[in-house]
Amino acid sequence: MKIREIREMNTEELKKRIDEEERIIVDLRFSHQLKQLTNTAKLGLAKKDIARLKTVLREREMAETSSKTNEGVKA
């Protein structure tokens, strides 16, 4: 998943996608333990996708906090 696609999502979509990716990781780990996973790189890609999603989510939280703080200073 590209960062551009992630930034286009709204906050609710980001949270849902994080949940989906975490379920995917659980499934991939299970498959890996059963020796059924042929492409182990999928685990790393899923982890990186979660990191990207959480980063964008955190950026939005920080921007919200920053704007609220700045409103208090201006008033």
PDB file of N, CA and C in Angstrom:
ATOM      1  N   MET A   1       0.847  -1.169   0.000  1.00  0.00           N
ATOM      2  CA  MET A   1       0.000   0.000   0.000  1.00  0.00           C
ATOM      3  C   MET A   1       0.893   1.232   0.000  1.00  0.00           C
ATOM      4  N   LYS A   2       0.579   2.153  -0.841  1.00  0.00           N
ATOM      5  CA  LYS A   2       1.368   3.368  -0.967  1.00  0.00           C
ATOM      6  C   LYS A   2       0.912   4.409   0.050  1.00  0.00           C
ATOM      7  N   ILE A   3       1.843   5.249   0.471  1.00  0.00           N
ATOM      8  CA  ILE A   3       1.540   6.280   1.471  1.00  0.00           C
ATOM      9  C   ILE A   3       0.491   7.252   0.933  1.00  0.00           C
ATOM     10  N   ARG A   4       0.520   7.500  -0.358  1.00  0.00           N
ATOM     11  CA  ARG A   4      -0.458   8.407  -0.967  1.00  0.00           C
ATOM     12  C   ARG A   4      -1.869   7.854  -0.791  1.00  0.00           C
ATOM     13  N   GLU A   5      -2.027   6.545  -0.979  1.00  0.00           N
ATOM     14  CA  GLU A   5      -3.337   5.914  -0.802  1.00  0.00           C
ATOM     15  C   GLU A   5      -3.785   5.999   0.655  1.00  0.00           C
ATOM     16  N   ILE A   6      -2.836   5.842   1.556  1.00  0.00           N
ATOM     17  CA  ILE A   6      -3.161   5.884   2.982  1.00  0.00           C
ATOM     18  C   ILE A   6      -3.608   7.278   3.388  1.00  0.00           C
ATOM     19  N   ARG A   7      -2.923   8.286   2.910  1.00  0.00           N
ATOM     20  CA  ARG A   7      -3.276   9.668   3.265  1.00  0.00           C
ATOM     21  C   ARG A   7      -4.647  10.078   2.730  1.00  0.00           C
ATOM     22  N   GLU A   8      -5.121   9.424   1.681  1.00  0.00           N
ATOM     23  CA  GLU A   8      -6.439   9.729   1.120  1.00  0.00           C
ATOM     24  C   GLU A   8      -7.575   9.139   1.962  1.00  0.00           C
ATOM     25  N   MET A   9      -7.266   8.170   2.816  1.00  0.00           N
ATOM     26  CA  MET A   9      -8.283   7.533   3.658  1.00  0.00           C
ATOM     27  C   MET A   9      -8.666   8.459   4.808  1.00  0.00           C
ATOM     28  N   ASN A  10      -9.913   8.316   5.269  1.00  0.00           N
ATOM     29  CA  ASN A  10     -10.291   9.063   6.463  1.00  0.00           C
ATOM     30  C   ASN A  10      -9.872   8.271   7.696  1.00  0.00           C
ATOM     31  N   THR A  11     -10.011   8.852   8.852  1.00  0.00           N
ATOM     32  CA  THR A  11      -9.529   8.256  10.089  1.00  0.00           C
ATOM     33  C   THR A  11     -10.216   6.928  10.384  1.00  0.00           C
ATOM     34  N   GLU A  12     -11.505   6.842  10.151  1.00  0.00           N
ATOM     35  CA  GLU A  12     -12.234   5.602  10.402  1.00  0.00           C
ATOM     36  C   GLU A  12     -11.738   4.476   9.496  1.00  0.00           C
ATOM     37  N   GLU A  13     -11.493   4.800   8.233  1.00  0.00           N
ATOM     38  CA  GLU A  13     -10.969   3.799   7.302  1.00  0.00           C
ATOM     39  C   GLU A  13      -9.590   3.314   7.738  1.00  0.00           C
ATOM     40  N   LEU A  14      -8.773   4.236   8.253  1.00  0.00           N
ATOM     41  CA  LEU A  14      -7.439   3.866   8.731  1.00  0.00           C
ATOM     42  C   LEU A  14      -7.529   2.855   9.867  1.00  0.00           C
ATOM     43  N   LYS A  15      -8.416   3.115  10.806  1.00  0.00           N
ATOM     44  CA  LYS A  15      -8.567   2.208  11.947  1.00  0.00           C
ATOM     45  C   LYS A  15      -9.048   0.828  11.501  1.00  0.00           C
ATOM     46  N   LYS A  16      -9.994   0.802  10.563  1.00  0.00           N
ATOM     47  CA  LYS A  16     -10.484  -0.477  10.055  1.00  0.00           C
ATOM     48  C   LYS A  16      -9.375  -1.226   9.331  1.00  0.00           C
ATOM     49  N   ARG A  17      -8.596  -0.498   8.559  1.00  0.00           N
ATOM     50  CA  ARG A  17      -7.516  -1.127   7.799  1.00  0.00           C
ATOM     51  C   ARG A  17      -6.432  -1.690   8.729  1.00  0.00           C
ATOM     52  N   ILE A  18      -6.158  -0.985   9.822  1.00  0.00           N
ATOM     53  CA  ILE A  18      -5.183  -1.478  10.803  1.00  0.00           C
ATOM     54  C   ILE A  18      -5.669  -2.804  11.384  1.00  0.00           C
ATOM     55  N   ASP A  19      -6.957  -2.862  11.734  1.00  0.00           N
ATOM     56  CA  ASP A  19      -7.522  -4.106  12.262  1.00  0.00           C
ATOM     57  C   ASP A  19      -7.411  -5.245  11.242  1.00  0.00           C
ATOM     58  N   GLU A  20      -7.707  -4.943   9.981  1.00  0.00           N
ATOM     59  CA  GLU A  20      -7.619  -5.954   8.931  1.00  0.00           C
ATOM     60  C   GLU A  20      -6.186  -6.459   8.778  1.00  0.00           C
ATOM     61  N   GLU A  21      -5.237  -5.536   8.753  1.00  0.00           N
ATOM     62  CA  GLU A  21      -3.836  -5.909   8.578  1.00  0.00           C
ATOM     63  C   GLU A  21      -3.334  -6.732   9.753  1.00  0.00           C
ATOM     64  N   GLU A  22      -3.786  -6.424  10.955  1.00  0.00           N
ATOM     65  CA  GLU A  22      -3.377  -7.202  12.123  1.00  0.00           C
ATOM     66  C   GLU A  22      -3.926  -8.625  12.044  1.00  0.00           C
ATOM     67  N   ARG A  23      -5.159  -8.775  11.534  1.00  0.00           N
ATOM     68  CA  ARG A  23      -5.712 -10.115  11.336  1.00  0.00           C
ATOM     69  C   ARG A  23      -4.931 -10.871  10.270  1.00  0.00           C
ATOM     70  N   ILE A  24      -4.524 -10.158   9.235  1.00  0.00           N
ATOM     71  CA  ILE A  24      -3.731 -10.774   8.170  1.00  0.00           C
ATOM     72  C   ILE A  24      -2.404 -11.287   8.724  1.00  0.00           C
ATOM     73  N   ILE A  25      -1.773 -10.502   9.587  1.00  0.00           N
ATOM     74  CA  ILE A  25      -0.510 -10.930  10.183  1.00  0.00           C
ATOM     75  C   ILE A  25      -0.702 -12.202  11.003  1.00  0.00           C
ATOM     76  N   VAL A  26      -1.775 -12.266  11.769  1.00  0.00           N
ATOM     77  CA  VAL A  26      -2.048 -13.465  12.562  1.00  0.00           C
ATOM     78  C   VAL A  26      -2.190 -14.676  11.634  1.00  0.00           C
ATOM     79  N   ASP A  27      -2.933 -14.511  10.549  1.00  0.00           N
ATOM     80  CA  ASP A  27      -3.118 -15.608   9.596  1.00  0.00           C
ATOM     81  C   ASP A  27      -1.796 -16.011   8.953  1.00  0.00           C
ATOM     82  N   LEU A  28      -0.984 -15.014   8.597  1.00  0.00           N
ATOM     83  CA  LEU A  28       0.304 -15.311   7.974  1.00  0.00           C
ATOM     84  C   LEU A  28       1.242 -16.038   8.936  1.00  0.00           C
ATOM     85  N   ARG A  29       1.243 -15.610  10.185  1.00  0.00           N
ATOM     86  CA  ARG A  29       2.076 -16.290  11.180  1.00  0.00           C
ATOM     87  C   ARG A  29       1.644 -17.741  11.367  1.00  0.00           C
ATOM     88  N   PHE A  30       0.336 -17.944  11.393  1.00  0.00           N
ATOM     89  CA  PHE A  30      -0.194 -19.296  11.537  1.00  0.00           C
ATOM     90  C   PHE A  30       0.231 -20.151  10.350  1.00  0.00           C
ATOM     91  N   SER A  31       0.080 -19.612   9.148  1.00  0.00           N
ATOM     92  CA  SER A  31       0.479 -20.335   7.939  1.00  0.00           C
ATOM     93  C   SER A  31       1.977 -20.627   7.944  1.00  0.00           C
ATOM     94  N   HIS A  32       2.749 -19.685   8.419  1.00  0.00           N
ATOM     95  CA  HIS A  32       4.197 -19.856   8.471  1.00  0.00           C
ATOM     96  C   HIS A  32       4.573 -20.985   9.431  1.00  0.00           C
ATOM     97  N   GLN A  33       3.909 -21.061  10.564  1.00  0.00           N
ATOM     98  CA  GLN A  33       4.185 -22.114  11.533  1.00  0.00           C
ATOM     99  C   GLN A  33       3.813 -23.499  11.002  1.00  0.00           C
ATOM    100  N   LEU A  34       2.804 -23.536  10.150  1.00  0.00           N
ATOM    101  CA  LEU A  34       2.377 -24.807   9.566  1.00  0.00           C
ATOM    102  C   LEU A  34       3.144 -25.142   8.293  1.00  0.00           C
ATOM    103  N   LYS A  35       4.131 -24.316   7.969  1.00  0.00           N
ATOM    104  CA  LYS A  35       4.973 -24.511   6.771  1.00  0.00           C
ATOM    105  C   LYS A  35       4.154 -24.418   5.484  1.00  0.00           C
ATOM    106  N   GLN A  36       3.082 -23.631   5.503  1.00  0.00           N
ATOM    107  CA  GLN A  36       2.258 -23.464   4.313  1.00  0.00           C
ATOM    108  C   GLN A  36       2.511 -22.133   3.618  1.00  0.00           C
ATOM    109  N   LEU A  37       3.250 -21.252   4.271  1.00  0.00           N
ATOM    110  CA  LEU A  37       3.508 -19.926   3.707  1.00  0.00           C
ATOM    111  C   LEU A  37       4.727 -20.017   2.801  1.00  0.00           C
ATOM    112  N   THR A  38       4.515 -19.773   1.519  1.00  0.00           N
ATOM    113  CA  THR A  38       5.623 -19.874   0.572  1.00  0.00           C
ATOM    114  C   THR A  38       6.385 -18.564   0.447  1.00  0.00           C
ATOM    115  N   ASN A  39       5.694 -17.442   0.603  1.00  0.00           N
ATOM    116  CA  ASN A  39       6.347 -16.140   0.478  1.00  0.00           C
ATOM    117  C   ASN A  39       6.367 -15.467   1.856  1.00  0.00           C
ATOM    118  N   THR A  40       7.459 -15.655   2.580  1.00  0.00           N
ATOM    119  CA  THR A  40       7.553 -15.115   3.933  1.00  0.00           C
ATOM    120  C   THR A  40       7.715 -13.602   3.943  1.00  0.00           C
ATOM    121  N   ALA A  41       8.005 -13.011   2.812  1.00  0.00           N
ATOM    122  CA  ALA A  41       8.135 -11.557   2.730  1.00  0.00           C
ATOM    123  C   ALA A  41       6.803 -10.865   2.984  1.00  0.00           C
ATOM    124  N   LYS A  42       5.710 -11.589   2.829  1.00  0.00           N
ATOM    125  CA  LYS A  42       4.386 -11.014   3.074  1.00  0.00           C
ATOM    126  C   LYS A  42       4.249 -10.551   4.519  1.00  0.00           C
ATOM    127  N   LEU A  43       4.893 -11.255   5.444  1.00  0.00           N
ATOM    128  CA  LEU A  43       4.853 -10.849   6.855  1.00  0.00           C
ATOM    129  C   LEU A  43       5.455  -9.460   7.023  1.00  0.00           C
ATOM    130  N   GLY A  44       6.599  -9.250   6.452  1.00  0.00           N
ATOM    131  CA  GLY A  44       7.264  -7.951   6.562  1.00  0.00           C
ATOM    132  C   GLY A  44       6.469  -6.841   5.901  1.00  0.00           C
ATOM    133  N   LEU A  45       5.890  -7.146   4.753  1.00  0.00           N
ATOM    134  CA  LEU A  45       5.087  -6.141   4.054  1.00  0.00           C
ATOM    135  C   LEU A  45       3.856  -5.751   4.867  1.00  0.00           C
ATOM    136  N   ALA A  46       3.232  -6.725   5.495  1.00  0.00           N
ATOM    137  CA  ALA A  46       2.055  -6.438   6.313  1.00  0.00           C
ATOM    138  C   ALA A  46       2.437  -5.580   7.516  1.00  0.00           C
ATOM    139  N   LYS A  47       3.578  -5.881   8.129  1.00  0.00           N
ATOM    140  CA  LYS A  47       4.036  -5.088   9.269  1.00  0.00           C
ATOM    141  C   LYS A  47       4.342  -3.649   8.847  1.00  0.00           C
ATOM    142  N   LYS A  48       4.948  -3.493   7.692  1.00  0.00           N
ATOM    143  CA  LYS A  48       5.264  -2.151   7.202  1.00  0.00           C
ATOM    144  C   LYS A  48       3.993  -1.368   6.879  1.00  0.00           C
ATOM    145  N   ASP A  49       2.993  -2.057   6.338  1.00  0.00           N
ATOM    146  CA  ASP A  49       1.712  -1.393   6.062  1.00  0.00           C
ATOM    147  C   ASP A  49       1.081  -0.892   7.358  1.00  0.00           C
ATOM    148  N   ILE A  50       1.124  -1.708   8.397  1.00  0.00           N
ATOM    149  CA  ILE A  50       0.568  -1.294   9.688  1.00  0.00           C
ATOM    150  C   ILE A  50       1.332  -0.085  10.213  1.00  0.00           C
ATOM    151  N   ALA A  51       2.637  -0.105  10.081  1.00  0.00           N
ATOM    152  CA  ALA A  51       3.446   1.027  10.550  1.00  0.00           C
ATOM    153  C   ALA A  51       3.087   2.294   9.800  1.00  0.00           C
ATOM    154  N   ARG A  52       2.896   2.189   8.501  1.00  0.00           N
ATOM    155  CA  ARG A  52       2.504   3.369   7.705  1.00  0.00           C
ATOM    156  C   ARG A  52       1.141   3.893   8.146  1.00  0.00           C
ATOM    157  N   LEU A  53       0.205   2.972   8.328  1.00  0.00           N
ATOM    158  CA  LEU A  53      -1.144   3.365   8.747  1.00  0.00           C
ATOM    159  C   LEU A  53      -1.114   4.060  10.103  1.00  0.00           C
ATOM    160  N   LYS A  54      -0.382   3.484  11.044  1.00  0.00           N
ATOM    161  CA  LYS A  54      -0.310   4.076  12.380  1.00  0.00           C
ATOM    162  C   LYS A  54       0.418   5.412  12.364  1.00  0.00           C
ATOM    163  N   THR A  55       1.391   5.562  11.487  1.00  0.00           N
ATOM    164  CA  THR A  55       2.113   6.827  11.383  1.00  0.00           C
ATOM    165  C   THR A  55       1.190   7.938  10.912  1.00  0.00           C
ATOM    166  N   VAL A  56       0.402   7.667   9.886  1.00  0.00           N
ATOM    167  CA  VAL A  56      -0.526   8.675   9.368  1.00  0.00           C
ATOM    168  C   VAL A  56      -1.578   8.996  10.420  1.00  0.00           C
ATOM    169  N   LEU A  57      -2.053   7.981  11.108  1.00  0.00           N
ATOM    170  CA  LEU A  57      -3.042   8.196  12.167  1.00  0.00           C
ATOM    171  C   LEU A  57      -2.460   9.084  13.264  1.00  0.00           C
ATOM    172  N   ARG A  58      -1.232   8.824  13.655  1.00  0.00           N
ATOM    173  CA  ARG A  58      -0.568   9.619  14.692  1.00  0.00           C
ATOM    174  C   ARG A  58      -0.323  11.049  14.216  1.00  0.00           C
ATOM    175  N   GLU A  59       0.055  11.219  12.955  1.00  0.00           N
ATOM    176  CA  GLU A  59       0.243  12.565  12.407  1.00  0.00           C
ATOM    177  C   GLU A  59      -1.042  13.370  12.520  1.00  0.00           C
ATOM    178  N   ARG A  60      -2.154  12.735  12.223  1.00  0.00           N
ATOM    179  CA  ARG A  60      -3.438  13.432  12.312  1.00  0.00           C
ATOM    180  C   ARG A  60      -3.775  13.795  13.755  1.00  0.00           C
ATOM    181  N   GLU A  61      -3.482  12.875  14.687  1.00  0.00           N
ATOM    182  CA  GLU A  61      -3.727  13.175  16.099  1.00  0.00           C
ATOM    183  C   GLU A  61      -2.870  14.352  16.560  1.00  0.00           C
ATOM    184  N   MET A  62      -1.621  14.363  16.141  1.00  0.00           N
ATOM    185  CA  MET A  62      -0.718  15.445  16.526  1.00  0.00           C
ATOM    186  C   MET A  62      -1.173  16.773  15.931  1.00  0.00           C
ATOM    187  N   ALA A  63      -1.645  16.756  14.696  1.00  0.00           N
ATOM    188  CA  ALA A  63      -2.129  17.974  14.053  1.00  0.00           C
ATOM    189  C   ALA A  63      -3.361  18.497  14.781  1.00  0.00           C
ATOM    190  N   GLU A  64      -4.242  17.589  15.193  1.00  0.00           N
ATOM    191  CA  GLU A  64      -5.430  17.972  15.947  1.00  0.00           C
ATOM    192  C   GLU A  64      -5.060  18.622  17.272  1.00  0.00           C
ATOM    193  N   THR A  65      -4.149  17.990  17.976  1.00  0.00           N
ATOM    194  CA  THR A  65      -3.696  18.504  19.266  1.00  0.00           C
ATOM    195  C   THR A  65      -3.034  19.857  19.099  1.00  0.00           C
ATOM    196  N   SER A  66      -2.240  19.974  18.063  1.00  0.00           N
ATOM    197  CA  SER A  66      -1.529  21.228  17.796  1.00  0.00           C
ATOM    198  C   SER A  66      -2.516  22.359  17.489  1.00  0.00           C
ATOM    199  N   SER A  67      -3.532  22.059  16.691  1.00  0.00           N
ATOM    200  CA  SER A  67      -4.499  23.092  16.345  1.00  0.00           C
ATOM    201  C   SER A  67      -5.309  23.513  17.565  1.00  0.00           C
ATOM    202  N   LYS A  68      -5.637  22.569  18.442  1.00  0.00           N
ATOM    203  CA  LYS A  68      -6.384  22.897  19.655  1.00  0.00           C
ATOM    204  C   LYS A  68      -5.537  23.758  20.593  1.00  0.00           C
ATOM    205  N   THR A  69      -4.271  23.437  20.680  1.00  0.00           N
ATOM    206  CA  THR A  69      -3.353  24.202  21.520  1.00  0.00           C
ATOM    207  C   THR A  69      -3.207  25.624  20.988  1.00  0.00           C
ATOM    208  N   ASN A  70      -3.090  25.737  19.680  1.00  0.00           N
ATOM    209  CA  ASN A  70      -2.940  27.064  19.072  1.00  0.00           C
ATOM    210  C   ASN A  70      -4.208  27.898  19.223  1.00  0.00           C
ATOM    211  N   GLU A  71      -5.361  27.266  19.205  1.00  0.00           N
ATOM    212  CA  GLU A  71      -6.620  28.011  19.404  1.00  0.00           C
ATOM    213  C   GLU A  71      -6.671  28.576  20.812  1.00  0.00           C
ATOM    214  N   GLY A  72      -6.210  27.812  21.775  1.00  0.00           N
ATOM    215  CA  GLY A  72      -6.199  28.273  23.161  1.00  0.00           C
ATOM    216  C   GLY A  72      -5.267  29.441  23.356  1.00  0.00           C
ATOM    217  N   VAL A  73      -4.159  29.479  22.663  1.00  0.00           N
ATOM    218  CA  VAL A  73      -3.193  30.561  22.776  1.00  0.00           C
ATOM    219  C   VAL A  73      -3.718  31.829  22.145  1.00  0.00           C
ATOM    220  N   LYS A  74      -4.434  31.716  21.022  1.00  0.00           N
ATOM    221  CA  LYS A  74      -4.956  32.873  20.311  1.00  0.00           C
ATOM    222  C   LYS A  74      -6.105  33.535  21.065  1.00  0.00           C
ATOM    223  N   ALA A  75      -6.852  32.773  21.817  1.00  0.00           N
ATOM    224  CA  ALA A  75      -8.056  33.289  22.483  1.00  0.00           C
ATOM    225  C   ALA A  75      -7.717  34.126  23.650  1.00  0.00           C
TER     226      ALA A  75
END
